[in-house]
Amino acid sequence: MLSLRFFVLSCLSLTATTTSGFVAPSSSRTASVQSSSTSSSTLINVVKYDKTEEKWITTDPETEGPAAGYDIFGSLLRAGPKPVFVRIFQSENYEQAILKFMAGDKVGRLEAQANMDQFFENAQDWVYNRLQAEKGGYKPDYVTIKKDQIALRLVWSSVVFAFLGRAIYCYNTGDSFYAILSS
């Protein structure tokens, strides 16, 4: 019974991760990331590296701390389940990555958080997109939630979950997976 639960949880996690690959690309190839209202000169003073504690800290947690960003559901909608798991099980590493990105790129909390969510979802694609943006090419907007992408994820997820549900049903009952087609 425990192995069946593990199998189901593994399949659900895999399904949720793979369905994000079926999202249609944006029609606009010149999208730009909207930075937050905080200016870069202010951000230099807000996020600092504390050498005694060996970690990044923010001096203004109300405007640039975890409460200033979006919640776990926002991470799920923007980048999928992987950053949510990182956020839950490695919360300190997640926060440090955001603060380091804010300090390094001199951007606001939302842009840094969206970039780190994408990095945790698929690091190779994120690095590729970043290099393309530095060369003056396409710069994706990770902050804005696109409704068409959510709709496509829901459609593909429902199809995958239907097949997965059928497979689990057939496994438990001993029926043939294709018996539904020959009725």
Protein backbone atom coordinates (compact mmCIF):
# COMPACT_ATOMS: atom_id res chain seq x y z
CA MET A 1 0.00 0.00 0.00
CA LEU A 2 2.87 2.35 0.83
CA SER A 3 4.53 1.71 -2.52
CA LEU A 4 1.26 2.49 -4.32
CA ARG A 5 1.02 5.81 -2.48
CA PHE A 6 4.62 6.59 -3.40
CA PHE A 7 3.88 5.67 -7.02
CA VAL A 8 0.81 7.92 -7.12
CA LEU A 9 2.63 10.86 -5.51
CA SER A 10 5.57 10.42 -7.87
CA CYS A 11 3.28 10.33 -10.89
CA LEU A 12 1.38 13.41 -9.74
CA SER A 13 4.61 15.32 -9.23
CA LEU A 14 5.96 14.20 -12.59
CA THR A 15 2.69 15.04 -14.31
CA ALA A 16 2.51 18.52 -12.86
CA THR A 17 6.10 19.14 -13.88
CA THR A 18 5.85 17.82 -17.42
CA THR A 19 2.63 19.60 -18.29
CA SER A 20 4.38 22.95 -18.13
CA GLY A 21 6.31 21.87 -21.22
CA PHE A 22 3.13 22.04 -23.28
CA VAL A 23 2.69 25.77 -22.80
CA ALA A 24 2.61 27.73 -26.03
CA PRO A 25 5.31 30.39 -26.34
CA SER A 26 4.36 34.02 -26.06
CA SER A 27 3.51 35.67 -29.35
CA SER A 28 5.50 38.74 -28.44
CA ARG A 29 9.22 38.19 -28.86
CA THR A 30 10.13 41.53 -27.28
CA ALA A 31 8.49 41.20 -23.89
CA SER A 32 10.29 42.99 -21.13
CA VAL A 33 10.33 42.33 -17.44
CA GLN A 34 8.55 44.95 -15.42
CA SER A 35 10.68 45.90 -12.47
CA SER A 36 9.17 46.86 -9.18
CA SER A 37 8.69 50.46 -8.16
CA THR A 38 11.82 50.47 -6.02
CA SER A 39 14.75 52.23 -7.65
CA SER A 40 18.07 50.47 -8.03
CA SER A 41 19.90 53.02 -5.89
CA THR A 42 17.57 52.23 -3.00
CA LEU A 43 17.99 48.49 -3.49
CA ILE A 44 21.73 48.74 -2.99
CA ASN A 45 21.06 49.89 0.56
CA VAL A 46 18.19 47.47 1.22
CA VAL A 47 19.94 44.13 0.57
CA LYS A 48 23.37 43.55 2.07
CA TYR A 49 25.64 40.62 2.78
CA ASP A 50 26.27 40.12 6.49
CA LYS A 51 29.79 38.69 6.82
CA THR A 52 29.33 37.71 10.47
CA GLU A 53 26.27 35.55 9.78
CA GLU A 54 27.41 34.71 6.23
CA LYS A 55 24.04 35.38 4.65
CA TRP A 56 22.12 38.03 2.75
CA ILE A 57 19.84 40.28 4.77
CA THR A 58 17.38 43.03 3.99
CA THR A 59 17.23 46.17 6.05
CA ASP A 60 13.65 46.85 4.96
CA PRO A 61 11.65 43.62 5.40
CA GLU A 62 8.31 45.35 4.83
CA THR A 63 9.07 46.40 1.26
CA GLU A 64 11.67 43.83 0.21
CA GLY A 65 11.22 40.92 2.63
CA PRO A 66 9.25 37.70 2.12
CA ALA A 67 5.95 39.43 2.90
CA ALA A 68 6.52 41.87 0.03
CA GLY A 69 6.66 39.10 -2.58
CA TYR A 70 3.93 36.77 -3.77
CA ASP A 71 2.77 33.69 -1.90
CA ILE A 72 3.28 29.98 -2.60
CA PHE A 73 0.25 29.89 -4.89
CA GLY A 74 1.90 32.63 -6.97
CA SER A 75 4.99 30.46 -7.32
CA LEU A 76 2.84 27.52 -8.38
CA LEU A 77 1.04 29.55 -11.05
CA ARG A 78 4.19 31.18 -12.41
CA ALA A 79 6.64 28.28 -12.43
CA GLY A 80 5.03 25.02 -11.35
CA PRO A 81 5.56 22.67 -8.42
CA LYS A 82 9.36 22.55 -8.16
CA PRO A 83 9.84 26.05 -6.72
CA VAL A 84 6.95 25.38 -4.33
CA PHE A 85 8.78 22.35 -2.94
CA VAL A 86 12.00 24.37 -2.67
CA ARG A 87 10.06 27.11 -0.93
CA ILE A 88 8.54 24.69 1.57
CA PHE A 89 11.46 22.36 2.30
CA GLN A 90 14.43 24.73 1.76
CA SER A 91 12.93 28.06 2.75
CA GLU A 92 16.22 29.58 3.92
CA ASN A 93 18.00 28.71 0.65
CA TYR A 94 15.02 30.06 -1.30
CA GLU A 95 15.10 33.38 0.54
CA GLN A 96 18.89 33.68 0.24
CA ALA A 97 18.70 33.08 -3.52
CA ILE A 98 16.15 35.86 -3.90
CA LEU A 99 18.11 38.33 -1.79
CA LYS A 100 21.35 37.52 -3.63
CA PHE A 101 19.63 38.03 -6.99
CA MET A 102 18.19 41.34 -5.79
CA ALA A 103 21.63 42.55 -4.72
CA GLY A 104 23.44 41.28 -7.81
CA ASP A 105 21.02 42.53 -10.44
CA LYS A 106 19.68 45.51 -8.48
CA VAL A 107 16.05 44.55 -9.07
CA GLY A 108 12.96 44.52 -6.88
CA ARG A 109 11.57 41.65 -4.85
CA LEU A 110 8.95 40.51 -7.38
CA GLU A 111 11.36 40.30 -10.31
CA ALA A 112 13.98 38.50 -8.22
CA GLN A 113 11.43 36.05 -6.84
CA ALA A 114 9.99 35.31 -10.28
CA ASN A 115 13.48 34.74 -11.70
CA MET A 116 14.43 32.39 -8.88
CA ASP A 117 11.17 30.47 -9.27
CA GLN A 118 11.99 29.96 -12.95
CA PHE A 119 15.55 29.00 -12.05
CA PHE A 120 14.34 26.34 -9.61
CA GLU A 121 11.83 25.07 -12.18
CA ASN A 122 14.35 24.68 -15.03
CA ALA A 123 17.83 26.07 -14.47
CA GLN A 124 19.14 25.35 -17.96
CA ASP A 125 16.34 27.20 -19.75
CA TRP A 126 16.59 30.08 -17.29
CA VAL A 127 20.34 30.43 -17.94
CA TYR A 128 19.78 30.25 -21.70
CA ASN A 129 17.09 32.96 -21.54
CA ARG A 130 19.30 35.10 -19.34
CA LEU A 131 22.23 34.85 -21.77
CA GLN A 132 19.93 35.72 -24.67
CA ALA A 133 18.64 38.77 -22.79
CA GLU A 134 22.20 39.90 -22.03
CA LYS A 135 23.00 39.68 -25.75
CA GLY A 136 20.05 41.95 -26.46
CA GLY A 137 17.64 39.20 -27.47
CA TYR A 138 14.37 38.02 -26.02
CA LYS A 139 13.88 38.77 -22.32
CA PRO A 140 10.98 36.76 -20.87
CA ASP A 141 8.55 38.27 -18.40
CA TYR A 142 8.50 35.90 -15.43
CA VAL A 143 6.50 38.23 -13.18
CA THR A 144 3.23 38.42 -15.11
CA ILE A 145 0.88 35.45 -14.90
CA LYS A 146 -0.40 34.65 -18.38
CA LYS A 147 -3.99 33.38 -18.43
CA ASP A 148 -3.54 31.42 -21.66
CA GLN A 149 -0.65 29.47 -20.14
CA ILE A 150 -2.75 28.59 -17.10
CA ALA A 151 -5.57 27.39 -19.35
CA LEU A 152 -3.18 25.23 -21.39
CA ARG A 153 -1.66 23.76 -18.23
CA LEU A 154 -5.11 22.89 -16.92
CA VAL A 155 -6.14 21.21 -20.18
CA TRP A 156 -2.95 19.17 -20.48
CA SER A 157 -3.01 18.30 -16.80
CA SER A 158 -6.57 17.01 -17.06
CA VAL A 159 -5.64 14.80 -20.03
CA VAL A 160 -2.58 13.42 -18.26
CA PHE A 161 -4.50 12.88 -15.00
CA ALA A 162 -7.25 11.03 -16.89
CA PHE A 163 -4.71 8.58 -18.33
CA LEU A 164 -2.94 8.32 -15.00
CA GLY A 165 -6.24 7.65 -13.22
CA ARG A 166 -7.10 4.96 -15.74
CA ALA A 167 -3.68 3.35 -15.25
CA ILE A 168 -4.08 3.31 -11.46
CA TYR A 169 -7.61 1.91 -11.77
CA CYS A 170 -6.42 -0.86 -14.10
CA TYR A 171 -3.49 -1.65 -11.82
CA ASN A 172 -5.78 -2.03 -8.79
CA THR A 173 -8.56 -3.99 -10.51
CA GLY A 174 -6.50 -6.04 -12.95
CA ASP A 175 -8.45 -4.76 -15.97
CA SER A 176 -6.75 -4.14 -19.28
CA PHE A 177 -5.80 -0.52 -19.86
CA TYR A 178 -7.24 -0.65 -23.38
CA ALA A 179 -10.48 -2.44 -22.41
CA ILE A 180 -12.28 0.90 -22.43
CA LEU A 181 -11.66 1.16 -26.20
CA SER A 182 -13.18 -2.22 -27.06
CA SER A 183 -16.59 -1.85 -25.44
